[in-house]
């Protein structure tokens, strides 16, 4: 992953936890590993829609999301 892409993810993410950048994509949430570029797209409840991570990394990311989703920006209704 290019340095420019990593900087963009850092500046546009709602939350960064242990090297994973989380941000909203419409109603879904995307998490990207800033070191490897692995990514997951999930529903707000944590259900995985798409992933390019192995099962171990995916379980780690889902745990980080469940613990920190309350800190993510919420769009005005």
Protein backbone atom coordinates (compact mmCIF):
# COMPACT_ATOMS: atom_id res chain seq x y z
CA UNK A 1 0.00 0.00 0.00
CA UNK A 2 1.42 3.39 -0.95
CA UNK A 3 2.34 5.95 1.68
CA UNK A 4 -0.13 8.39 0.11
CA UNK A 5 -2.99 5.90 0.45
CA UNK A 6 -2.09 5.21 4.08
CA UNK A 7 -2.05 8.95 4.83
CA UNK A 8 -5.43 9.35 3.14
CA UNK A 9 -6.89 6.50 5.21
CA UNK A 10 -5.47 8.00 8.40
CA UNK A 11 -6.94 11.43 7.75
CA UNK A 12 -10.37 10.20 6.62
CA UNK A 13 -11.00 7.38 9.10
CA UNK A 14 -13.52 7.66 11.90
CA UNK A 15 -11.45 5.50 14.27
CA UNK A 16 -7.99 3.90 14.16
CA UNK A 17 -7.32 1.00 16.52
CA UNK A 18 -3.99 -0.85 16.62
CA UNK A 19 -3.20 -0.22 12.97
CA UNK A 20 -6.72 -0.77 11.62
CA UNK A 21 -8.54 2.20 10.09
CA UNK A 22 -12.34 2.08 10.36
CA UNK A 23 -14.67 4.31 8.37
CA UNK A 24 -18.24 4.37 7.19
CA UNK A 25 -19.12 3.53 3.59
CA UNK A 26 -22.73 4.60 3.35
CA UNK A 27 -24.49 2.32 5.80
CA UNK A 28 -21.60 -0.17 5.92
CA UNK A 29 -18.24 -0.02 7.69
CA UNK A 30 -14.83 -0.65 6.12
CA UNK A 31 -11.76 -1.65 8.11
CA UNK A 32 -8.29 -1.59 6.51
CA UNK A 33 -5.06 -2.93 7.98
CA UNK A 34 -2.67 0.00 7.51
CA UNK A 35 0.32 -2.37 7.43
CA UNK A 36 -0.79 -5.07 5.00
CA UNK A 37 -3.71 -3.48 3.16
CA UNK A 38 -6.09 -6.30 4.09
CA UNK A 39 -9.66 -5.07 4.25
CA UNK A 40 -13.15 -6.02 5.34
CA UNK A 41 -16.54 -4.49 4.64
CA UNK A 42 -19.22 -5.19 7.22
CA UNK A 43 -22.72 -4.20 8.15
CA UNK A 44 -23.11 -1.92 11.20
CA UNK A 45 -23.93 -4.97 13.36
CA UNK A 46 -20.54 -6.54 12.50
CA UNK A 47 -21.79 -9.04 9.92
CA UNK A 48 -19.06 -9.50 7.29
CA UNK A 49 -20.02 -8.62 3.72
CA UNK A 50 -16.61 -8.91 2.02
CA UNK A 51 -13.10 -9.62 3.30
CA UNK A 52 -9.54 -10.04 2.12
CA UNK A 53 -8.26 -11.16 5.53
CA UNK A 54 -7.72 -14.61 6.98
CA UNK A 55 -10.03 -15.86 9.73
CA UNK A 56 -7.65 -14.99 12.59
CA UNK A 57 -7.18 -11.38 11.47
CA UNK A 58 -10.89 -11.08 10.76
CA UNK A 59 -11.80 -12.13 14.30
CA UNK A 60 -9.34 -9.56 15.69
CA UNK A 61 -10.81 -6.77 13.54
CA UNK A 62 -14.37 -7.69 14.47
CA UNK A 63 -13.43 -7.57 18.15
CA UNK A 64 -11.85 -4.13 17.70
CA UNK A 65 -14.97 -2.97 15.87
CA UNK A 66 -17.35 -4.23 18.55
CA UNK A 67 -15.33 -2.53 21.27
CA UNK A 68 -14.87 0.80 19.46
CA UNK A 69 -17.85 1.32 17.13
CA UNK A 70 -19.43 3.68 19.67
CA UNK A 71 -16.62 6.16 18.88
CA UNK A 72 -17.33 6.22 15.15
CA UNK A 73 -19.00 9.29 13.69
CA UNK A 74 -22.73 8.86 13.22
CA UNK A 75 -24.41 10.56 10.30
CA UNK A 76 -27.23 12.95 11.13
CA UNK A 77 -30.65 11.48 10.44
